[in-house]
Amino acid sequence: MTDGGIDEGKRATLRRFAALGAATPLVRLSTDDASETREAIVGYLATTPGAHFSKIRDDLQLGTGETQHHLRKLEADGAIEHRKDGEYKRYFSAGRFSAFEQRALGYLRRETPRKTLIALLRDPDASGGDLAEFAGVSRSAVSKHAAELESAGVLSRSDGYELRRPETLLTLLVRYADSFGPDAVAFAGDADELVRYDA
């Protein structure tokens, strides 16, 4: 334990993300624990946009009340913002993402919708069966998630499955691949093959 009551593992995690947070114009690097924690949250959200409350708390090794306090303070200061996503509150750096990007990031943080979107980026003509096989779920699960993605404006099902703003989805997946998981990292490694350039 440190003299401030924070164990060394937690302090190392907070310092790593605080270094990112300090680079954000809305946050000043400081030496007190409260400022360091808030800078860590800002830095964490810079690399993990759309994380929900529990993920922030757990990844930064914070207590529930501590997390609530700092998120409220950061929102009041205009450093971060949140968007309701069903039962979740998803947090973002303030003013960084459009409404579409915030919705898309929320779905990219969920395994089956993310795999569905990756499959459609890889093969825009993929069928429901193809998507189910790629995601490792039933066709009814694909249909349920596709309906949610359609309601969110990320997907159209008027003629098969068609992504809305595929370039934006590709950019978000590649830019934040490490925060999504191995499937996104593998996709990011192949993404250059999916980009078409006009001659």
N, C-alpha and C. Protein backbone atom coordinates (compact mmCIF):
# COMPACT_ATOMS: atom_id res chain seq x y z
N MET A 1 0.84 -1.19 0.00
CA MET A 1 0.00 0.00 0.00
C MET A 1 0.88 1.25 0.00
N THR A 2 0.38 2.32 -0.60
CA THR A 2 1.08 3.60 -0.58
C THR A 2 0.62 4.40 0.62
N ASP A 3 1.28 5.54 0.85
CA ASP A 3 0.88 6.38 1.98
C ASP A 3 -0.52 6.93 1.81
N GLY A 4 -1.03 7.02 0.58
CA GLY A 4 -2.38 7.53 0.35
C GLY A 4 -3.44 6.44 0.40
N GLY A 5 -3.04 5.20 0.68
CA GLY A 5 -4.01 4.13 0.78
C GLY A 5 -4.35 3.48 -0.56
N ILE A 6 -3.64 3.82 -1.62
CA ILE A 6 -3.89 3.22 -2.93
C ILE A 6 -2.79 2.21 -3.19
N ASP A 7 -3.16 0.96 -3.52
CA ASP A 7 -2.12 -0.04 -3.74
C ASP A 7 -1.33 0.27 -5.00
N GLU A 8 -0.13 -0.31 -5.09
CA GLU A 8 0.79 0.02 -6.17
C GLU A 8 0.26 -0.38 -7.55
N GLY A 9 -0.45 -1.50 -7.64
CA GLY A 9 -1.03 -1.91 -8.92
C GLY A 9 -2.04 -0.91 -9.43
N LYS A 10 -2.90 -0.46 -8.52
CA LYS A 10 -3.91 0.54 -8.89
C LYS A 10 -3.22 1.85 -9.28
N ARG A 11 -2.20 2.26 -8.51
CA ARG A 11 -1.51 3.51 -8.81
C ARG A 11 -0.84 3.45 -10.19
N ALA A 12 -0.25 2.32 -10.52
CA ALA A 12 0.41 2.18 -11.82
C ALA A 12 -0.62 2.28 -12.96
N THR A 13 -1.77 1.66 -12.77
CA THR A 13 -2.84 1.75 -13.78
C THR A 13 -3.31 3.18 -13.94
N LEU A 14 -3.54 3.85 -12.82
CA LEU A 14 -4.02 5.24 -12.87
C LEU A 14 -2.97 6.14 -13.52
N ARG A 15 -1.70 5.95 -13.19
CA ARG A 15 -0.65 6.80 -13.76
C ARG A 15 -0.54 6.60 -15.27
N ARG A 16 -0.68 5.35 -15.71
CA ARG A 16 -0.57 5.07 -17.15
C ARG A 16 -1.65 5.82 -17.92
N PHE A 17 -2.89 5.76 -17.44
CA PHE A 17 -3.97 6.46 -18.13
C PHE A 17 -3.96 7.96 -17.84
N ALA A 18 -3.45 8.36 -16.68
CA ALA A 18 -3.35 9.79 -16.37
C ALA A 18 -2.42 10.50 -17.33
N ALA A 19 -1.38 9.80 -17.78
CA ALA A 19 -0.45 10.41 -18.74
C ALA A 19 -1.19 10.75 -20.03
N LEU A 20 -2.09 9.89 -20.45
CA LEU A 20 -2.92 10.18 -21.63
C LEU A 20 -3.89 11.32 -21.33
N GLY A 21 -4.48 11.27 -20.15
CA GLY A 21 -5.44 12.31 -19.79
C GLY A 21 -4.82 13.68 -19.69
N ALA A 22 -3.56 13.73 -19.25
CA ALA A 22 -2.88 15.02 -19.11
C ALA A 22 -2.65 15.69 -20.45
N ALA A 23 -2.65 14.89 -21.51
CA ALA A 23 -2.45 15.45 -22.85
C ALA A 23 -3.72 16.06 -23.41
N THR A 24 -4.83 15.87 -22.69
CA THR A 24 -6.10 16.43 -23.12
C THR A 24 -6.19 17.87 -22.63
N PRO A 25 -6.58 18.81 -23.50
CA PRO A 25 -6.56 20.23 -23.12
C PRO A 25 -7.43 20.58 -21.92
N LEU A 26 -8.47 19.79 -21.65
CA LEU A 26 -9.38 20.14 -20.57
C LEU A 26 -8.89 19.69 -19.20
N VAL A 27 -7.76 18.96 -19.17
CA VAL A 27 -7.30 18.39 -17.91
C VAL A 27 -5.87 18.82 -17.64
N ARG A 28 -5.59 19.18 -16.38
CA ARG A 28 -4.24 19.56 -15.97
C ARG A 28 -3.61 18.41 -15.20
N LEU A 29 -2.31 18.15 -15.46
CA LEU A 29 -1.60 17.14 -14.69
C LEU A 29 -1.37 17.68 -13.28
N SER A 30 -1.72 16.86 -12.30
CA SER A 30 -1.59 17.28 -10.92
C SER A 30 -1.07 16.11 -10.10
N THR A 31 -0.64 16.38 -8.91
CA THR A 31 -0.07 15.30 -8.11
C THR A 31 -1.05 14.76 -7.08
N ASP A 32 -2.22 15.37 -6.86
CA ASP A 32 -3.11 14.81 -5.86
C ASP A 32 -3.90 13.64 -6.43
N ASP A 33 -4.33 12.75 -5.53
CA ASP A 33 -4.99 11.50 -5.95
C ASP A 33 -6.27 11.74 -6.74
N ALA A 34 -7.07 12.74 -6.34
CA ALA A 34 -8.33 13.00 -7.03
C ALA A 34 -8.07 13.44 -8.47
N SER A 35 -7.13 14.36 -8.65
CA SER A 35 -6.81 14.82 -10.00
C SER A 35 -6.21 13.70 -10.83
N GLU A 36 -5.35 12.91 -10.21
CA GLU A 36 -4.74 11.80 -10.93
C GLU A 36 -5.81 10.80 -11.39
N THR A 37 -6.78 10.54 -10.54
CA THR A 37 -7.85 9.61 -10.89
C THR A 37 -8.69 10.17 -12.03
N ARG A 38 -9.02 11.45 -11.97
CA ARG A 38 -9.81 12.05 -13.06
C ARG A 38 -9.03 12.08 -14.37
N GLU A 39 -7.74 12.38 -14.28
CA GLU A 39 -6.91 12.35 -15.49
C GLU A 39 -6.84 10.94 -16.06
N ALA A 40 -6.80 9.94 -15.18
CA ALA A 40 -6.78 8.55 -15.63
C ALA A 40 -8.07 8.21 -16.36
N ILE A 41 -9.20 8.67 -15.85
CA ILE A 41 -10.48 8.40 -16.52
C ILE A 41 -10.51 9.06 -17.89
N VAL A 42 -10.06 10.31 -17.97
CA VAL A 42 -10.02 11.01 -19.26
C VAL A 42 -9.09 10.28 -20.23
N GLY A 43 -7.92 9.87 -19.76
CA GLY A 43 -7.00 9.13 -20.61
C GLY A 43 -7.56 7.79 -21.04
N TYR A 44 -8.23 7.12 -20.12
CA TYR A 44 -8.85 5.83 -20.44
C TYR A 44 -9.91 6.00 -21.52
N LEU A 45 -10.75 7.02 -21.39
CA LEU A 45 -11.81 7.24 -22.38
C LEU A 45 -11.25 7.70 -23.73
N ALA A 46 -10.06 8.26 -23.73
CA ALA A 46 -9.43 8.63 -25.01
C ALA A 46 -9.06 7.38 -25.80
N THR A 47 -8.79 6.29 -25.11
CA THR A 47 -8.41 5.04 -25.78
C THR A 47 -9.52 4.01 -25.80
N THR A 48 -10.56 4.22 -24.99
CA THR A 48 -11.66 3.26 -24.86
C THR A 48 -12.99 4.00 -24.89
N PRO A 49 -13.27 4.75 -25.96
CA PRO A 49 -14.52 5.53 -25.99
C PRO A 49 -15.73 4.61 -26.02
N GLY A 50 -16.77 5.01 -25.30
CA GLY A 50 -17.99 4.21 -25.25
C GLY A 50 -17.98 3.17 -24.15
N ALA A 51 -16.95 3.20 -23.30
CA ALA A 51 -16.93 2.26 -22.16
C ALA A 51 -18.07 2.61 -21.22
N HIS A 52 -18.67 1.58 -20.64
CA HIS A 52 -19.74 1.84 -19.67
C HIS A 52 -19.16 1.89 -18.26
N PHE A 53 -20.00 2.30 -17.33
CA PHE A 53 -19.57 2.56 -15.95
C PHE A 53 -18.76 1.41 -15.36
N SER A 54 -19.30 0.18 -15.43
CA SER A 54 -18.63 -0.95 -14.78
C SER A 54 -17.27 -1.24 -15.39
N LYS A 55 -17.15 -1.07 -16.69
CA LYS A 55 -15.86 -1.31 -17.36
C LYS A 55 -14.83 -0.28 -16.90
N ILE A 56 -15.25 0.98 -16.83
CA ILE A 56 -14.33 2.03 -16.34
C ILE A 56 -13.89 1.70 -14.92
N ARG A 57 -14.86 1.40 -14.07
CA ARG A 57 -14.56 1.08 -12.66
C ARG A 57 -13.60 -0.09 -12.55
N ASP A 58 -13.91 -1.18 -13.26
CA ASP A 58 -13.10 -2.39 -13.12
C ASP A 58 -11.72 -2.25 -13.75
N ASP A 59 -11.66 -1.67 -14.96
CA ASP A 59 -10.36 -1.55 -15.63
C ASP A 59 -9.41 -0.61 -14.90
N LEU A 60 -9.96 0.41 -14.25
CA LEU A 60 -9.12 1.36 -13.52
C LEU A 60 -8.99 1.00 -12.03
N GLN A 61 -9.61 -0.13 -11.65
CA GLN A 61 -9.52 -0.63 -10.27
C GLN A 61 -10.00 0.40 -9.25
N LEU A 62 -11.15 1.00 -9.56
CA LEU A 62 -11.74 2.00 -8.69
C LEU A 62 -12.92 1.41 -7.94
N GLY A 63 -13.32 2.06 -6.86
CA GLY A 63 -14.53 1.69 -6.16
C GLY A 63 -15.75 2.27 -6.86
N THR A 64 -16.92 1.73 -6.57
CA THR A 64 -18.15 2.20 -7.22
C THR A 64 -18.42 3.68 -6.90
N GLY A 65 -18.39 4.02 -5.62
CA GLY A 65 -18.64 5.41 -5.23
C GLY A 65 -17.59 6.36 -5.77
N GLU A 66 -16.34 5.91 -5.76
CA GLU A 66 -15.23 6.71 -6.28
C GLU A 66 -15.44 6.99 -7.77
N THR A 67 -15.83 5.95 -8.52
CA THR A 67 -16.06 6.11 -9.95
C THR A 67 -17.21 7.08 -10.21
N GLN A 68 -18.31 6.90 -9.48
CA GLN A 68 -19.46 7.80 -9.64
C GLN A 68 -19.06 9.25 -9.38
N HIS A 69 -18.33 9.47 -8.31
CA HIS A 69 -17.92 10.83 -7.94
C HIS A 69 -17.09 11.48 -9.05
N HIS A 70 -16.08 10.77 -9.52
CA HIS A 70 -15.19 11.36 -10.52
C HIS A 70 -15.87 11.54 -11.87
N LEU A 71 -16.72 10.61 -12.26
CA LEU A 71 -17.44 10.78 -13.53
C LEU A 71 -18.36 12.00 -13.46
N ARG A 72 -19.06 12.16 -12.34
CA ARG A 72 -19.94 13.34 -12.18
C ARG A 72 -19.12 14.62 -12.26
N LYS A 73 -17.98 14.65 -11.59
CA LYS A 73 -17.13 15.85 -11.57
C LYS A 73 -16.61 16.16 -12.98
N LEU A 74 -16.17 15.13 -13.70
CA LEU A 74 -15.67 15.34 -15.06
C LEU A 74 -16.76 15.81 -16.00
N GLU A 75 -17.98 15.30 -15.84
CA GLU A 75 -19.09 15.78 -16.68
C GLU A 75 -19.43 17.22 -16.34
N ALA A 76 -19.44 17.55 -15.05
CA ALA A 76 -19.73 18.92 -14.64
C ALA A 76 -18.68 19.89 -15.18
N ASP A 77 -17.44 19.43 -15.27
CA ASP A 77 -16.34 20.26 -15.78
C ASP A 77 -16.29 20.31 -17.31
N GLY A 78 -17.15 19.51 -17.97
CA GLY A 78 -17.20 19.51 -19.43
C GLY A 78 -16.10 18.70 -20.10
N ALA A 79 -15.42 17.82 -19.34
CA ALA A 79 -14.34 17.02 -19.92
C ALA A 79 -14.87 15.77 -20.61
N ILE A 80 -15.96 15.22 -20.09
CA ILE A 80 -16.54 14.01 -20.67
C ILE A 80 -18.05 14.19 -20.79
N GLU A 81 -18.67 13.28 -21.54
CA GLU A 81 -20.13 13.25 -21.66
C GLU A 81 -20.56 11.80 -21.72
N HIS A 82 -21.86 11.57 -21.50
CA HIS A 82 -22.34 10.20 -21.60
C HIS A 82 -23.57 10.14 -22.50
N ARG A 83 -23.85 8.92 -22.92
CA ARG A 83 -25.02 8.64 -23.74
C ARG A 83 -25.68 7.40 -23.18
N LYS A 84 -26.99 7.42 -23.00
CA LYS A 84 -27.72 6.25 -22.55
C LYS A 84 -27.77 5.24 -23.68
N ASP A 85 -27.51 3.99 -23.36
CA ASP A 85 -27.52 2.90 -24.32
C ASP A 85 -28.20 1.72 -23.63
N GLY A 86 -29.54 1.68 -23.72
CA GLY A 86 -30.29 0.66 -22.99
C GLY A 86 -30.08 0.84 -21.51
N GLU A 87 -29.57 -0.21 -20.86
CA GLU A 87 -29.35 -0.14 -19.41
C GLU A 87 -28.00 0.47 -19.06
N TYR A 88 -27.19 0.77 -20.06
CA TYR A 88 -25.85 1.31 -19.83
C TYR A 88 -25.80 2.82 -20.02
N LYS A 89 -24.86 3.43 -19.31
CA LYS A 89 -24.40 4.78 -19.62
C LYS A 89 -23.03 4.60 -20.23
N ARG A 90 -22.86 5.10 -21.46
CA ARG A 90 -21.56 4.99 -22.12
C ARG A 90 -20.90 6.37 -22.11
N TYR A 91 -19.62 6.38 -21.81
CA TYR A 91 -18.89 7.64 -21.61
C TYR A 91 -17.91 7.90 -22.75
N PHE A 92 -17.76 9.20 -23.07
CA PHE A 92 -16.93 9.66 -24.18
C PHE A 92 -16.22 10.94 -23.79
N SER A 93 -15.09 11.20 -24.43
CA SER A 93 -14.47 12.53 -24.32
C SER A 93 -15.47 13.54 -24.88
N ALA A 94 -15.66 14.66 -24.21
CA ALA A 94 -16.67 15.64 -24.61
C ALA A 94 -16.38 16.22 -25.99
N GLY A 95 -17.40 16.28 -26.82
CA GLY A 95 -17.31 16.92 -28.12
C GLY A 95 -16.48 16.18 -29.15
N ARG A 96 -16.08 14.96 -28.85
CA ARG A 96 -15.16 14.23 -29.73
C ARG A 96 -15.89 13.41 -30.80
N PHE A 97 -17.10 12.91 -30.48
CA PHE A 97 -17.79 11.99 -31.37
C PHE A 97 -19.18 12.48 -31.71
N SER A 98 -19.58 12.25 -32.96
CA SER A 98 -20.95 12.57 -33.39
C SER A 98 -21.91 11.59 -32.74
N ALA A 99 -23.21 11.89 -32.83
CA ALA A 99 -24.23 10.98 -32.29
C ALA A 99 -24.13 9.61 -32.96
N PHE A 100 -23.91 9.59 -34.29
CA PHE A 100 -23.77 8.32 -34.99
C PHE A 100 -22.57 7.54 -34.46
N GLU A 101 -21.44 8.21 -34.29
CA GLU A 101 -20.23 7.55 -33.80
C GLU A 101 -20.43 7.01 -32.39
N GLN A 102 -21.13 7.77 -31.55
CA GLN A 102 -21.40 7.29 -30.19
C GLN A 102 -22.26 6.04 -30.22
N ARG A 103 -23.31 6.04 -31.06
CA ARG A 103 -24.15 4.85 -31.16
C ARG A 103 -23.34 3.67 -31.68
N ALA A 104 -22.55 3.91 -32.73
CA ALA A 104 -21.74 2.85 -33.32
C ALA A 104 -20.74 2.29 -32.30
N LEU A 105 -20.08 3.15 -31.56
CA LEU A 105 -19.11 2.69 -30.56
C LEU A 105 -19.80 1.84 -29.50
N GLY A 106 -21.01 2.20 -29.12
CA GLY A 106 -21.76 1.39 -28.16
C GLY A 106 -21.97 -0.03 -28.66
N TYR A 107 -22.33 -0.15 -29.94
CA TYR A 107 -22.53 -1.49 -30.51
C TYR A 107 -21.22 -2.21 -30.75
N LEU A 108 -20.17 -1.49 -31.07
CA LEU A 108 -18.86 -2.13 -31.26
C LEU A 108 -18.31 -2.67 -29.94
N ARG A 109 -18.82 -2.19 -28.82
CA ARG A 109 -18.39 -2.70 -27.52
C ARG A 109 -19.12 -3.99 -27.13
N ARG A 110 -20.10 -4.41 -27.96
CA ARG A 110 -20.83 -5.66 -27.69
C ARG A 110 -20.37 -6.71 -28.69
N GLU A 111 -20.10 -7.90 -28.21
CA GLU A 111 -19.44 -8.92 -29.04
C GLU A 111 -20.22 -9.30 -30.30
N THR A 112 -21.49 -9.69 -30.18
CA THR A 112 -22.21 -10.14 -31.38
C THR A 112 -22.44 -9.01 -32.38
N PRO A 113 -22.90 -7.83 -31.96
CA PRO A 113 -23.01 -6.75 -32.94
C PRO A 113 -21.67 -6.40 -33.59
N ARG A 114 -20.58 -6.40 -32.81
CA ARG A 114 -19.27 -6.09 -33.37
C ARG A 114 -18.88 -7.12 -34.43
N LYS A 115 -19.08 -8.39 -34.13
CA LYS A 115 -18.75 -9.44 -35.10
C LYS A 115 -19.62 -9.33 -36.34
N THR A 116 -20.88 -8.95 -36.16
CA THR A 116 -21.78 -8.75 -37.30
C THR A 116 -21.27 -7.62 -38.19
N LEU A 117 -20.87 -6.52 -37.57
CA LEU A 117 -20.37 -5.38 -38.33
C LEU A 117 -19.06 -5.71 -39.03
N ILE A 118 -18.18 -6.42 -38.35
CA ILE A 118 -16.91 -6.83 -38.96
C ILE A 118 -17.17 -7.72 -40.16
N ALA A 119 -18.10 -8.68 -40.01
CA ALA A 119 -18.41 -9.60 -41.12
C ALA A 119 -18.93 -8.83 -42.32
N LEU A 120 -19.77 -7.82 -42.09
CA LEU A 120 -20.32 -7.04 -43.20
C LEU A 120 -19.29 -6.10 -43.82
N LEU A 121 -18.34 -5.65 -43.04
CA LEU A 121 -17.25 -4.86 -43.61
C LEU A 121 -16.36 -5.75 -44.48
N ARG A 122 -16.17 -6.97 -44.06
CA ARG A 122 -15.37 -7.91 -44.85
C ARG A 122 -16.11 -8.35 -46.11
N ASP A 123 -17.43 -8.59 -45.97
CA ASP A 123 -18.24 -9.07 -47.09
C ASP A 123 -19.60 -8.40 -47.07
N PRO A 124 -19.76 -7.29 -47.81
CA PRO A 124 -21.02 -6.56 -47.81
C PRO A 124 -22.22 -7.37 -48.30
N ASP A 125 -21.97 -8.49 -48.96
CA ASP A 125 -23.05 -9.34 -49.47
C ASP A 125 -23.36 -10.52 -48.54
N ALA A 126 -22.80 -10.51 -47.34
CA ALA A 126 -23.01 -11.63 -46.41
C ALA A 126 -24.48 -11.82 -46.10
N SER A 127 -24.90 -13.08 -46.04
CA SER A 127 -26.29 -13.42 -45.70
C SER A 127 -26.43 -13.56 -44.19
N GLY A 128 -27.66 -13.71 -43.74
CA GLY A 128 -27.90 -13.94 -42.31
C GLY A 128 -27.18 -15.18 -41.82
N GLY A 129 -27.16 -16.23 -42.64
CA GLY A 129 -26.44 -17.45 -42.28
C GLY A 129 -24.95 -17.22 -42.18
N ASP A 130 -24.41 -16.43 -43.11
CA ASP A 130 -22.97 -16.10 -43.06
C ASP A 130 -22.63 -15.34 -41.78
N LEU A 131 -23.49 -14.39 -41.44
CA LEU A 131 -23.25 -13.59 -40.24
C LEU A 131 -23.33 -14.44 -38.98
N ALA A 132 -24.30 -15.36 -38.94
CA ALA A 132 -24.45 -16.25 -37.79
C ALA A 132 -23.22 -17.13 -37.63
N GLU A 133 -22.72 -17.65 -38.75
CA GLU A 133 -21.54 -18.51 -38.69
C GLU A 133 -20.32 -17.73 -38.23
N PHE A 134 -20.13 -16.51 -38.76
CA PHE A 134 -18.97 -15.70 -38.38
C PHE A 134 -19.03 -15.32 -36.91
N ALA A 135 -20.22 -14.96 -36.43
CA ALA A 135 -20.37 -14.52 -35.04
C ALA A 135 -20.47 -15.69 -34.06
N GLY A 136 -20.73 -16.89 -34.58
CA GLY A 136 -20.86 -18.05 -33.71
C GLY A 136 -22.14 -18.04 -32.90
N VAL A 137 -23.22 -17.51 -33.52
CA VAL A 137 -24.51 -17.44 -32.85
C VAL A 137 -25.59 -17.97 -33.80
N SER A 138 -26.81 -18.05 -33.30
CA SER A 138 -27.92 -18.51 -34.13
C SER A 138 -28.37 -17.41 -35.08
N ARG A 139 -29.10 -17.81 -36.11
CA ARG A 139 -29.64 -16.82 -37.05
C ARG A 139 -30.64 -15.90 -36.35
N SER A 140 -31.38 -16.44 -35.39
CA SER A 140 -32.33 -15.58 -34.66
C SER A 140 -31.59 -14.53 -33.84
N ALA A 141 -30.41 -14.87 -33.31
CA ALA A 141 -29.61 -13.89 -32.57
C ALA A 141 -29.12 -12.80 -33.51
N VAL A 142 -28.69 -13.20 -34.72
CA VAL A 142 -28.26 -12.21 -35.71
C VAL A 142 -29.41 -11.29 -36.06
N SER A 143 -30.59 -11.87 -36.25
CA SER A 143 -31.77 -11.07 -36.60
C SER A 143 -32.11 -10.07 -35.50
N LYS A 144 -32.03 -10.51 -34.25
CA LYS A 144 -32.32 -9.62 -33.10
C LYS A 144 -31.33 -8.46 -33.07
N HIS A 145 -30.05 -8.77 -33.19
CA HIS A 145 -29.03 -7.72 -33.13
C HIS A 145 -29.11 -6.81 -34.37
N ALA A 146 -29.42 -7.39 -35.52
CA ALA A 146 -29.55 -6.58 -36.74
C ALA A 146 -30.70 -5.60 -36.60
N ALA A 147 -31.78 -6.02 -35.96
CA ALA A 147 -32.92 -5.11 -35.74
C ALA A 147 -32.50 -3.95 -34.84
N GLU A 148 -31.71 -4.22 -33.82
CA GLU A 148 -31.22 -3.15 -32.94
C GLU A 148 -30.29 -2.21 -33.71
N LEU A 149 -29.40 -2.78 -34.52
CA LEU A 149 -28.49 -1.96 -35.31
C LEU A 149 -29.26 -1.10 -36.31
N GLU A 150 -30.34 -1.64 -36.85
CA GLU A 150 -31.16 -0.87 -37.78
C GLU A 150 -31.85 0.28 -37.04
N SER A 151 -32.41 -0.01 -35.87
CA SER A 151 -33.06 1.05 -35.07
C SER A 151 -32.09 2.16 -34.71
N ALA A 152 -30.82 1.79 -34.52
CA ALA A 152 -29.80 2.78 -34.16
C ALA A 152 -29.26 3.53 -35.38
N GLY A 153 -29.71 3.13 -36.59
CA GLY A 153 -29.25 3.81 -37.80
C GLY A 153 -27.88 3.37 -38.28
N VAL A 154 -27.40 2.23 -37.79
CA VAL A 154 -26.08 1.73 -38.16
C VAL A 154 -26.17 0.76 -39.33
N LEU A 155 -27.35 0.17 -39.52
CA LEU A 155 -27.55 -0.88 -40.51
C LEU A 155 -28.91 -0.69 -41.17
N SER A 156 -29.00 -1.10 -42.43
CA SER A 156 -30.29 -1.14 -43.13
C SER A 156 -30.57 -2.58 -43.52
N ARG A 157 -31.83 -3.00 -43.37
CA ARG A 157 -32.21 -4.36 -43.79
C ARG A 157 -33.23 -4.32 -44.91
N SER A 158 -33.31 -3.21 -45.62
CA SER A 158 -34.32 -3.09 -46.68
C SER A 158 -34.03 -4.02 -47.84
N ASP A 159 -32.77 -4.31 -48.09
CA ASP A 159 -32.38 -5.22 -49.18
C ASP A 159 -31.16 -6.00 -48.72
N GLY A 160 -31.40 -7.05 -47.96
CA GLY A 160 -30.29 -7.76 -47.33
C GLY A 160 -29.79 -6.95 -46.14
N TYR A 161 -28.50 -7.01 -45.90
CA TYR A 161 -27.88 -6.26 -44.80
C TYR A 161 -26.92 -5.24 -45.40
N GLU A 162 -27.16 -3.97 -45.10
CA GLU A 162 -26.31 -2.91 -45.64
C GLU A 162 -25.88 -1.96 -44.54
N LEU A 163 -24.58 -1.76 -44.40
CA LEU A 163 -24.05 -0.87 -43.39
C LEU A 163 -24.28 0.58 -43.77
N ARG A 164 -24.65 1.38 -42.78
CA ARG A 164 -24.70 2.83 -42.95
C ARG A 164 -23.32 3.37 -42.59
N ARG A 165 -22.77 4.23 -43.40
CA ARG A 165 -21.48 4.86 -43.14
C ARG A 165 -20.37 3.84 -42.83
N PRO A 166 -20.16 2.88 -43.76
CA PRO A 166 -19.14 1.86 -43.51
C PRO A 166 -17.74 2.43 -43.30
N GLU A 167 -17.42 3.56 -43.93
CA GLU A 167 -16.10 4.15 -43.75
C GLU A 167 -15.90 4.58 -42.30
N THR A 168 -16.95 5.13 -41.70
CA THR A 168 -16.86 5.55 -40.30
C THR A 168 -16.69 4.35 -39.39
N LEU A 169 -17.45 3.29 -39.65
CA LEU A 169 -17.35 2.07 -38.84
C LEU A 169 -15.95 1.47 -38.95
N LEU A 170 -15.42 1.44 -40.15
CA LEU A 170 -14.07 0.90 -40.37
C LEU A 170 -13.04 1.73 -39.60
N THR A 171 -13.17 3.04 -39.68
CA THR A 171 -12.23 3.93 -38.99
C THR A 171 -12.27 3.71 -37.48
N LEU A 172 -13.47 3.61 -36.91
CA LEU A 172 -13.61 3.39 -35.46
C LEU A 172 -13.02 2.04 -35.06
N LEU A 173 -13.30 1.03 -35.85
CA LEU A 173 -12.77 -0.31 -35.54
C LEU A 173 -11.25 -0.34 -35.57
N VAL A 174 -10.66 0.29 -36.57
CA VAL A 174 -9.20 0.29 -36.69
C VAL A 174 -8.57 1.15 -35.60
N ARG A 175 -9.10 2.34 -35.40
CA ARG A 175 -8.51 3.28 -34.45
C ARG A 175 -8.53 2.75 -33.01
N TYR A 176 -9.62 2.08 -32.63
CA TYR A 176 -9.76 1.62 -31.24
C TYR A 176 -9.74 0.09 -31.13
N ALA A 177 -9.13 -0.57 -32.11
CA ALA A 177 -9.14 -2.04 -32.16
C ALA A 177 -8.68 -2.68 -30.86
N ASP A 178 -7.60 -2.18 -30.29
CA ASP A 178 -7.06 -2.79 -29.07
C ASP A 178 -8.06 -2.78 -27.92
N SER A 179 -8.97 -1.82 -27.91
CA SER A 179 -9.93 -1.73 -26.81
C SER A 179 -11.15 -2.62 -27.03
N PHE A 180 -11.30 -3.17 -28.25
CA PHE A 180 -12.45 -4.02 -28.53
C PHE A 180 -12.16 -5.50 -28.31
N GLY A 181 -10.97 -5.94 -28.63
CA GLY A 181 -10.67 -7.36 -28.45
C GLY A 181 -9.99 -7.96 -29.66
N PRO A 182 -9.66 -9.26 -29.58
CA PRO A 182 -8.87 -9.92 -30.62
C PRO A 182 -9.53 -9.90 -32.00
N ASP A 183 -10.86 -10.01 -32.06
CA ASP A 183 -11.52 -10.00 -33.38
C ASP A 183 -11.30 -8.67 -34.08
N ALA A 184 -11.37 -7.58 -33.33
CA ALA A 184 -11.15 -6.25 -33.91
C ALA A 184 -9.68 -6.04 -34.28
N VAL A 185 -8.77 -6.56 -33.46
CA VAL A 185 -7.34 -6.44 -33.75
C VAL A 185 -7.02 -7.19 -35.05
N ALA A 186 -7.58 -8.39 -35.19
CA ALA A 186 -7.36 -9.17 -36.42
C ALA A 186 -7.92 -8.43 -37.63
N PHE A 187 -9.11 -7.84 -37.47
CA PHE A 187 -9.73 -7.08 -38.55
C PHE A 187 -8.85 -5.88 -38.92
N ALA A 188 -8.36 -5.16 -37.92
CA ALA A 188 -7.53 -3.97 -38.17
C ALA A 188 -6.28 -4.34 -38.96
N GLY A 189 -5.73 -5.53 -38.70
CA GLY A 189 -4.55 -5.97 -39.42
C GLY A 189 -4.80 -6.19 -40.91
N ASP A 190 -6.06 -6.47 -41.25
CA ASP A 190 -6.42 -6.72 -42.66
C ASP A 190 -7.13 -5.54 -43.31
N ALA A 191 -7.36 -4.48 -42.55
CA ALA A 191 -8.25 -3.41 -43.01
C ALA A 191 -7.77 -2.73 -44.28
N ASP A 192 -6.46 -2.66 -44.48
CA ASP A 192 -5.95 -1.99 -45.68
C ASP A 192 -6.43 -2.68 -46.95
N GLU A 193 -6.71 -3.97 -46.88
CA GLU A 193 -7.20 -4.70 -48.05
C GLU A 193 -8.66 -4.34 -48.38
N LEU A 194 -9.37 -3.77 -47.41
CA LEU A 194 -10.78 -3.45 -47.60
C LEU A 194 -10.99 -2.04 -48.13
N VAL A 195 -9.95 -1.21 -48.06
CA VAL A 195 -10.07 0.17 -48.49
C VAL A 195 -9.91 0.26 -50.00
N ARG A 196 -10.88 0.89 -50.64
CA ARG A 196 -10.81 1.07 -52.10
C ARG A 196 -10.49 2.53 -52.39
N TYR A 197 -9.57 2.73 -53.30
CA TYR A 197 -9.17 4.09 -53.69
C TYR A 197 -9.69 4.38 -55.08
N ASP A 198 -10.29 5.56 -55.24
CA ASP A 198 -10.73 5.96 -56.58
C ASP A 198 -9.52 6.37 -57.40
N ALA A 199 -9.49 5.92 -58.65
CA ALA A 199 -8.34 6.25 -59.51
C ALA A 199 -8.46 7.67 -60.01
